[in-house]
């Protein structure tokens, strides 16, 4: 074995070309291999950076909608603004539920002469309803027999909420006055109404209803009747 190594060294020493190549490999071969490794590593890093940059650009460019609930006082002034789903204060949550239920009843029973306003009111109503609960059927049956879009050709109905109080954690009692007028403005009579609503808090907030129901409040039961003799 030693004789073979000595023979190889002697052959290299006797051949200037082999000796030069060996000297080149010894001096620069390691640098070339290292350079190749660094180039491969640099290419991988560049690809990873490109993927990360693309992801950041996509995320920055994707639409992001964060709903906020604006609390107003009796004069209509803004009393507070907070992100939906972060209602830690029980008093704030109660007022928000009261506001949503008041709009719900106004949307169910009211009749506006403006078609766009009326359609938006109906959309707000259905944003608080789910086909899984009886309130959906009750409201749908009322609309089928008393379409506000058709009634608007002959009359308008203004709904004034007079009382809205909780009976339990999930059930509310509401009283309101309905003022009916013909399209020429002549009064057609008033009616005093009362109703009960059962609600479910913390329901699913769908993309479709995000702006109309950012809190995930759903009305599961809704019954109403006219107050006679008052």
C-alpha atoms as a PDB file:
ATOM      1  CA  UNK A   1       0.000   0.000   0.000  1.00  0.00           C
ATOM      2  CA  UNK A   2       2.804   2.351   0.922  1.00  0.00           C
ATOM      3  CA  UNK A   3       4.570   1.438  -2.306  1.00  0.00           C
ATOM      4  CA  UNK A   4       1.404   2.416  -4.285  1.00  0.00           C
ATOM      5  CA  UNK A   5       1.191   5.829  -2.584  1.00  0.00           C
ATOM      6  CA  UNK A   6       4.856   6.434  -3.191  1.00  0.00           C
ATOM      7  CA  UNK A   7       4.383   5.390  -6.803  1.00  0.00           C
ATOM      8  CA  UNK A   8       1.439   7.845  -7.219  1.00  0.00           C
ATOM      9  CA  UNK A   9       3.438  10.680  -5.697  1.00  0.00           C
ATOM     10  CA  UNK A  10       6.334   9.863  -7.958  1.00  0.00           C
ATOM     11  CA  UNK A  11       4.022   9.826 -10.986  1.00  0.00           C
ATOM     12  CA  UNK A  12       2.552  13.215 -10.066  1.00  0.00           C
ATOM     13  CA  UNK A  13       5.997  14.647  -9.408  1.00  0.00           C
ATOM     14  CA  UNK A  14       7.147  13.395 -12.779  1.00  0.00           C
ATOM     15  CA  UNK A  15       4.159  14.878 -14.654  1.00  0.00           C
ATOM     16  CA  UNK A  16       3.997  18.686 -14.552  1.00  0.00           C
ATOM     17  CA  UNK A  17       0.288  18.677 -15.601  1.00  0.00           C
ATOM     18  CA  UNK A  18      -0.782  16.345 -12.805  1.00  0.00           C
ATOM     19  CA  UNK A  19       1.349  18.212 -10.323  1.00  0.00           C
ATOM     20  CA  UNK A  20      -0.237  21.516 -11.353  1.00  0.00           C
ATOM     21  CA  UNK A  21      -3.772  20.141 -11.151  1.00  0.00           C
ATOM     22  CA  UNK A  22      -3.079  18.705  -7.728  1.00  0.00           C
ATOM     23  CA  UNK A  23      -1.707  22.001  -6.532  1.00  0.00           C
ATOM     24  CA  UNK A  24      -4.774  23.826  -7.938  1.00  0.00           C
ATOM     25  CA  UNK A  25      -7.179  21.437  -6.216  1.00  0.00           C
ATOM     26  CA  UNK A  26      -5.352  21.731  -2.929  1.00  0.00           C
ATOM     27  CA  UNK A  27      -5.309  25.524  -3.082  1.00  0.00           C
ATOM     28  CA  UNK A  28      -8.710  26.374  -4.610  1.00  0.00           C
ATOM     29  CA  UNK A  29     -10.841  23.214  -4.506  1.00  0.00           C
ATOM     30  CA  UNK A  30     -12.115  23.883  -1.002  1.00  0.00           C
ATOM     31  CA  UNK A  31     -13.006  27.468  -1.894  1.00  0.00           C
ATOM     32  CA  UNK A  32     -14.943  26.355  -4.978  1.00  0.00           C
ATOM     33  CA  UNK A  33     -16.929  23.764  -3.020  1.00  0.00           C
ATOM     34  CA  UNK A  34     -17.683  26.311  -0.313  1.00  0.00           C
ATOM     35  CA  UNK A  35     -18.790  28.844  -2.918  1.00  0.00           C
ATOM     36  CA  UNK A  36     -21.192  26.316  -4.452  1.00  0.00           C
ATOM     37  CA  UNK A  37     -22.651  25.543  -1.041  1.00  0.00           C
ATOM     38  CA  UNK A  38     -23.134  29.245  -0.285  1.00  0.00           C
ATOM     39  CA  UNK A  39     -24.776  29.825  -3.660  1.00  0.00           C
ATOM     40  CA  UNK A  40     -27.226  26.975  -3.001  1.00  0.00           C
ATOM     41  CA  UNK A  41     -27.967  28.327   0.458  1.00  0.00           C
ATOM     42  CA  UNK A  42     -28.428  31.814  -0.945  1.00  0.00           C
ATOM     43  CA  UNK A  43     -30.871  30.525  -3.563  1.00  0.00           C
ATOM     44  CA  UNK A  44     -32.934  28.724  -0.930  1.00  0.00           C
ATOM     45  CA  UNK A  45     -32.947  31.838   1.268  1.00  0.00           C
ATOM     46  CA  UNK A  46     -34.035  33.956  -1.694  1.00  0.00           C
ATOM     47  CA  UNK A  47     -36.919  31.601  -2.439  1.00  0.00           C
ATOM     48  CA  UNK A  48     -38.037  31.626   1.196  1.00  0.00           C
ATOM     49  CA  UNK A  49     -37.833  35.414   1.303  1.00  0.00           C
ATOM     50  CA  UNK A  50     -39.938  35.595  -1.854  1.00  0.00           C
ATOM     51  CA  UNK A  51     -42.597  33.335  -0.374  1.00  0.00           C
ATOM     52  CA  UNK A  52     -42.694  35.363   2.853  1.00  0.00           C
ATOM     53  CA  UNK A  53     -42.847  38.652   0.963  1.00  0.00           C
ATOM     54  CA  UNK A  54     -45.654  37.354  -1.233  1.00  0.00           C
ATOM     55  CA  UNK A  55     -47.594  36.205   1.809  1.00  0.00           C
ATOM     56  CA  UNK A  56     -47.180  39.569   3.513  1.00  0.00           C
ATOM     57  CA  UNK A  57     -48.307  41.415   0.385  1.00  0.00           C
ATOM     58  CA  UNK A  58     -51.358  39.163   0.069  1.00  0.00           C
ATOM     59  CA  UNK A  59     -52.253  39.601   3.736  1.00  0.00           C
ATOM     60  CA  UNK A  60     -51.802  43.371   3.557  1.00  0.00           C
ATOM     61  CA  UNK A  61     -53.922  43.574   0.437  1.00  0.00           C
ATOM     62  CA  UNK A  62     -56.719  41.293   1.617  1.00  0.00           C
ATOM     63  CA  UNK A  63     -59.837  43.086   2.869  1.00  0.00           C
ATOM     64  CA  UNK A  64     -60.167  43.227   6.651  1.00  0.00           C
ATOM     65  CA  UNK A  65     -63.394  44.388   8.268  1.00  0.00           C
ATOM     66  CA  UNK A  66     -63.550  44.850  12.025  1.00  0.00           C
ATOM     67  CA  UNK A  67     -67.055  45.774  13.200  1.00  0.00           C
ATOM     68  CA  UNK A  68     -67.475  48.258  16.022  1.00  0.00           C
ATOM     69  CA  UNK A  69     -70.531  48.979  18.114  1.00  0.00           C
ATOM     70  CA  UNK A  70     -71.289  52.656  18.707  1.00  0.00           C
ATOM     71  CA  UNK A  71     -73.263  53.435  21.845  1.00  0.00           C
ATOM     72  CA  UNK A  72     -75.385  56.591  21.774  1.00  0.00           C
ATOM     73  CA  UNK A  73     -77.242  58.391  24.529  1.00  0.00           C
ATOM     74  CA  UNK A  74     -80.820  59.685  24.540  1.00  0.00           C
ATOM     75  CA  UNK A  75     -79.809  62.822  22.640  1.00  0.00           C
ATOM     76  CA  UNK A  76     -78.163  60.782  19.906  1.00  0.00           C
ATOM     77  CA  UNK A  77     -74.633  61.690  20.961  1.00  0.00           C
ATOM     78  CA  UNK A  78     -71.913  59.050  20.866  1.00  0.00           C
ATOM     79  CA  UNK A  79     -71.393  57.657  24.359  1.00  0.00           C
ATOM     80  CA  UNK A  80     -68.903  54.910  23.577  1.00  0.00           C
ATOM     81  CA  UNK A  81     -67.256  52.905  20.828  1.00  0.00           C
ATOM     82  CA  UNK A  82     -66.003  49.346  21.281  1.00  0.00           C
ATOM     83  CA  UNK A  83     -65.232  46.309  19.159  1.00  0.00           C
ATOM     84  CA  UNK A  84     -68.091  43.876  18.640  1.00  0.00           C
ATOM     85  CA  UNK A  85     -67.790  40.820  20.835  1.00  0.00           C
ATOM     86  CA  UNK A  86     -65.876  42.717  23.533  1.00  0.00           C
ATOM     87  CA  UNK A  87     -68.810  43.951  25.584  1.00  0.00           C
ATOM     88  CA  UNK A  88     -67.468  43.225  29.044  1.00  0.00           C
ATOM     89  CA  UNK A  89     -69.749  45.647  30.855  1.00  0.00           C
ATOM     90  CA  UNK A  90     -73.205  44.190  31.533  1.00  0.00           C
ATOM     91  CA  UNK A  91     -74.812  47.638  31.342  1.00  0.00           C
ATOM     92  CA  UNK A  92     -73.359  48.293  27.912  1.00  0.00           C
ATOM     93  CA  UNK A  93     -74.452  44.871  26.666  1.00  0.00           C
ATOM     94  CA  UNK A  94     -77.984  45.483  27.940  1.00  0.00           C
ATOM     95  CA  UNK A  95     -78.248  48.801  26.115  1.00  0.00           C
ATOM     96  CA  UNK A  96     -76.938  47.278  22.897  1.00  0.00           C
ATOM     97  CA  UNK A  97     -79.536  44.482  23.093  1.00  0.00           C
ATOM     98  CA  UNK A  98     -82.263  47.047  23.756  1.00  0.00           C
ATOM     99  CA  UNK A  99     -81.210  49.018  20.702  1.00  0.00           C
ATOM    100  CA  UNK A 100     -81.150  45.955  18.452  1.00  0.00           C
ATOM    101  CA  UNK A 101     -84.541  44.725  19.664  1.00  0.00           C
ATOM    102  CA  UNK A 102     -86.085  48.170  19.213  1.00  0.00           C
ATOM    103  CA  UNK A 103     -84.854  48.264  15.621  1.00  0.00           C
ATOM    104  CA  UNK A 104     -86.109  44.722  15.130  1.00  0.00           C
ATOM    105  CA  UNK A 105     -89.673  45.569  16.198  1.00  0.00           C
ATOM    106  CA  UNK A 106     -89.650  48.783  14.176  1.00  0.00           C
ATOM    107  CA  UNK A 107     -88.556  46.786  11.145  1.00  0.00           C
ATOM    108  CA  UNK A 108     -91.246  44.133  11.603  1.00  0.00           C
ATOM    109  CA  UNK A 109     -94.175  46.461  12.255  1.00  0.00           C
ATOM    110  CA  UNK A 110     -93.203  49.720  10.563  1.00  0.00           C
ATOM    111  CA  UNK A 111     -94.098  50.793   7.016  1.00  0.00           C
ATOM    112  CA  UNK A 112     -91.944  53.369   5.229  1.00  0.00           C
ATOM    113  CA  UNK A 113     -92.910  55.193   2.021  1.00  0.00           C
ATOM    114  CA  UNK A 114     -89.278  54.898   0.883  1.00  0.00           C
ATOM    115  CA  UNK A 115     -88.752  51.525  -0.793  1.00  0.00           C
ATOM    116  CA  UNK A 116     -85.001  51.475  -0.108  1.00  0.00           C
ATOM    117  CA  UNK A 117     -85.501  52.320   3.562  1.00  0.00           C
ATOM    118  CA  UNK A 118     -88.149  49.617   3.881  1.00  0.00           C
ATOM    119  CA  UNK A 119     -85.981  46.969   2.243  1.00  0.00           C
ATOM    120  CA  UNK A 120     -83.077  47.823   4.519  1.00  0.00           C
ATOM    121  CA  UNK A 121     -85.406  47.526   7.524  1.00  0.00           C
ATOM    122  CA  UNK A 122     -86.454  44.047   6.375  1.00  0.00           C
ATOM    123  CA  UNK A 123     -82.806  43.053   5.913  1.00  0.00           C
ATOM    124  CA  UNK A 124     -82.045  44.210   9.468  1.00  0.00           C
ATOM    125  CA  UNK A 125     -84.929  42.112  10.759  1.00  0.00           C
ATOM    126  CA  UNK A 126     -83.757  38.931   9.045  1.00  0.00           C
ATOM    127  CA  UNK A 127     -80.199  39.564  10.226  1.00  0.00           C
ATOM    128  CA  UNK A 128     -81.486  38.774  13.734  1.00  0.00           C
ATOM    129  CA  UNK A 129     -83.420  35.688  12.667  1.00  0.00           C
ATOM    130  CA  UNK A 130     -82.486  32.078  11.991  1.00  0.00           C
ATOM    131  CA  UNK A 131     -84.613  29.411  10.328  1.00  0.00           C
ATOM    132  CA  UNK A 132     -83.774  27.174  13.280  1.00  0.00           C
ATOM    133  CA  UNK A 133     -86.080  29.193  15.579  1.00  0.00           C
ATOM    134  CA  UNK A 134     -89.857  29.873  15.593  1.00  0.00           C
ATOM    135  CA  UNK A 135     -89.437  33.648  15.321  1.00  0.00           C
ATOM    136  CA  UNK A 136     -88.307  33.228  11.719  1.00  0.00           C
ATOM    137  CA  UNK A 137     -91.597  31.576  10.756  1.00  0.00           C
ATOM    138  CA  UNK A 138     -93.693  34.059  12.746  1.00  0.00           C
ATOM    139  CA  UNK A 139     -92.115  37.082  11.082  1.00  0.00           C
ATOM    140  CA  UNK A 140     -92.157  35.500   7.616  1.00  0.00           C
ATOM    141  CA  UNK A 141     -95.884  34.728   7.933  1.00  0.00           C
ATOM    142  CA  UNK A 142     -96.551  38.314   9.023  1.00  0.00           C
ATOM    143  CA  UNK A 143     -94.664  39.707   6.045  1.00  0.00           C
ATOM    144  CA  UNK A 144     -96.500  37.387   3.632  1.00  0.00           C
ATOM    145  CA  UNK A 145     -99.897  38.558   4.854  1.00  0.00           C
ATOM    146  CA  UNK A 146     -98.934  42.182   5.527  1.00  0.00           C
ATOM    147  CA  UNK A 147     -96.195  43.061   3.050  1.00  0.00           C
ATOM    148  CA  UNK A 148     -94.871  46.492   4.044  1.00  0.00           C
ATOM    149  CA  UNK A 149     -93.758  47.086   0.454  1.00  0.00           C
ATOM    150  CA  UNK A 150     -97.369  46.706  -0.739  1.00  0.00           C
ATOM    151  CA  UNK A 151     -98.897  48.544   2.209  1.00  0.00           C
ATOM    152  CA  UNK A 152     -96.616  51.500   1.539  1.00  0.00           C
ATOM    153  CA  UNK A 153     -98.745  52.301  -1.516  1.00  0.00           C
ATOM    154  CA  UNK A 154    -101.684  53.161   0.751  1.00  0.00           C
ATOM    155  CA  UNK A 155    -100.350  53.923   4.209  1.00  0.00           C
ATOM    156  CA  UNK A 156     -97.338  54.438   6.437  1.00  0.00           C
ATOM    157  CA  UNK A 157     -96.812  53.158   9.968  1.00  0.00           C
ATOM    158  CA  UNK A 158     -94.463  54.828  12.427  1.00  0.00           C
ATOM    159  CA  UNK A 159     -93.413  52.686  15.390  1.00  0.00           C
ATOM    160  CA  UNK A 160     -92.559  54.437  18.657  1.00  0.00           C
ATOM    161  CA  UNK A 161     -91.015  52.222  21.346  1.00  0.00           C
ATOM    162  CA  UNK A 162     -92.394  53.200  24.762  1.00  0.00           C
ATOM    163  CA  UNK A 163     -90.953  50.463  26.997  1.00  0.00           C
ATOM    164  CA  UNK A 164     -88.382  47.693  26.670  1.00  0.00           C
ATOM    165  CA  UNK A 165     -87.517  45.751  29.814  1.00  0.00           C
ATOM    166  CA  UNK A 166     -85.922  42.356  30.534  1.00  0.00           C
ATOM    167  CA  UNK A 167     -88.154  39.738  32.144  1.00  0.00           C
ATOM    168  CA  UNK A 168     -85.260  37.307  32.486  1.00  0.00           C
ATOM    169  CA  UNK A 169     -81.790  36.832  31.108  1.00  0.00           C
ATOM    170  CA  UNK A 170     -83.184  35.829  27.707  1.00  0.00           C
ATOM    171  CA  UNK A 171     -86.728  37.222  27.551  1.00  0.00           C
ATOM    172  CA  UNK A 172     -87.736  40.852  27.034  1.00  0.00           C
ATOM    173  CA  UNK A 173     -91.066  42.656  27.204  1.00  0.00           C
ATOM    174  CA  UNK A 174     -91.612  45.488  24.765  1.00  0.00           C
ATOM    175  CA  UNK A 175     -94.395  48.032  24.360  1.00  0.00           C
ATOM    176  CA  UNK A 176     -94.830  50.380  21.444  1.00  0.00           C
ATOM    177  CA  UNK A 177     -97.273  52.734  19.752  1.00  0.00           C
ATOM    178  CA  UNK A 178     -98.116  52.504  16.062  1.00  0.00           C
ATOM    179  CA  UNK A 179     -99.230  55.634  14.214  1.00  0.00           C
ATOM    180  CA  UNK A 180    -100.897  54.900  10.879  1.00  0.00           C
ATOM    181  CA  UNK A 181    -101.309  57.558   8.230  1.00  0.00           C
ATOM    182  CA  UNK A 182    -102.661  57.578   4.699  1.00  0.00           C
ATOM    183  CA  UNK A 183    -100.270  58.536   1.933  1.00  0.00           C
ATOM    184  CA  UNK A 184    -101.805  62.019   1.890  1.00  0.00           C
ATOM    185  CA  UNK A 185    -100.896  62.413   5.565  1.00  0.00           C
ATOM    186  CA  UNK A 186    -104.343  61.969   7.089  1.00  0.00           C
ATOM    187  CA  UNK A 187    -104.301  59.956  10.328  1.00  0.00           C
ATOM    188  CA  UNK A 188    -105.788  56.471  10.172  1.00  0.00           C
ATOM    189  CA  UNK A 189    -105.603  55.727  13.871  1.00  0.00           C
ATOM    190  CA  UNK A 190    -103.128  54.688  16.524  1.00  0.00           C
ATOM    191  CA  UNK A 191    -102.623  51.328  18.195  1.00  0.00           C
ATOM    192  CA  UNK A 192    -100.835  50.354  21.369  1.00  0.00           C
ATOM    193  CA  UNK A 193     -98.967  47.065  21.125  1.00  0.00           C
ATOM    194  CA  UNK A 194     -97.125  44.758  23.478  1.00  0.00           C
ATOM    195  CA  UNK A 195     -94.876  41.809  22.797  1.00  0.00           C
ATOM    196  CA  UNK A 196     -92.298  39.436  24.216  1.00  0.00           C
ATOM    197  CA  UNK A 197     -89.017  38.488  22.619  1.00  0.00           C
ATOM    198  CA  UNK A 198     -86.687  35.660  23.542  1.00  0.00           C
ATOM    199  CA  UNK A 199     -83.111  36.116  22.423  1.00  0.00           C
ATOM    200  CA  UNK A 200     -79.916  34.139  22.038  1.00  0.00           C
ATOM    201  CA  UNK A 201     -76.677  36.028  22.617  1.00  0.00           C
ATOM    202  CA  UNK A 202     -73.302  35.155  21.180  1.00  0.00           C
ATOM    203  CA  UNK A 203     -74.597  33.457  18.046  1.00  0.00           C
ATOM    204  CA  UNK A 204     -72.662  33.014  14.828  1.00  0.00           C
ATOM    205  CA  UNK A 205     -71.785  36.234  13.014  1.00  0.00           C
ATOM    206  CA  UNK A 206     -71.972  35.520   9.298  1.00  0.00           C
ATOM    207  CA  UNK A 207     -70.176  37.531   6.639  1.00  0.00           C
ATOM    208  CA  UNK A 208     -73.529  38.460   5.110  1.00  0.00           C
ATOM    209  CA  UNK A 209     -74.892  39.888   8.376  1.00  0.00           C
ATOM    210  CA  UNK A 210     -71.649  41.319   9.713  1.00  0.00           C
ATOM    211  CA  UNK A 211     -72.706  44.960   9.468  1.00  0.00           C
ATOM    212  CA  UNK A 212     -76.360  44.426  10.427  1.00  0.00           C
ATOM    213  CA  UNK A 213     -75.739  42.064  13.348  1.00  0.00           C
ATOM    214  CA  UNK A 214     -72.123  42.376  14.544  1.00  0.00           C
ATOM    215  CA  UNK A 215     -72.951  41.106  18.050  1.00  0.00           C
ATOM    216  CA  UNK A 216     -74.453  37.757  17.024  1.00  0.00           C
ATOM    217  CA  UNK A 217     -77.800  38.429  18.740  1.00  0.00           C
ATOM    218  CA  UNK A 218     -80.688  36.269  17.489  1.00  0.00           C
ATOM    219  CA  UNK A 219     -84.403  36.489  18.232  1.00  0.00           C
ATOM    220  CA  UNK A 220     -85.680  32.957  18.793  1.00  0.00           C
ATOM    221  CA  UNK A 221     -89.308  33.721  19.736  1.00  0.00           C
ATOM    222  CA  UNK A 222     -91.447  36.802  19.077  1.00  0.00           C
ATOM    223  CA  UNK A 223     -95.128  37.182  20.002  1.00  0.00           C
ATOM    224  CA  UNK A 224     -97.142  40.396  19.944  1.00  0.00           C
ATOM    225  CA  UNK A 225    -100.710  41.638  20.392  1.00  0.00           C
ATOM    226  CA  UNK A 226    -102.654  44.867  20.541  1.00  0.00           C
ATOM    227  CA  UNK A 227    -103.402  46.387  23.935  1.00  0.00           C
ATOM    228  CA  UNK A 228    -107.164  46.883  24.057  1.00  0.00           C
ATOM    229  CA  UNK A 229    -109.005  49.347  26.265  1.00  0.00           C
ATOM    230  CA  UNK A 230    -106.070  51.705  26.729  1.00  0.00           C
END
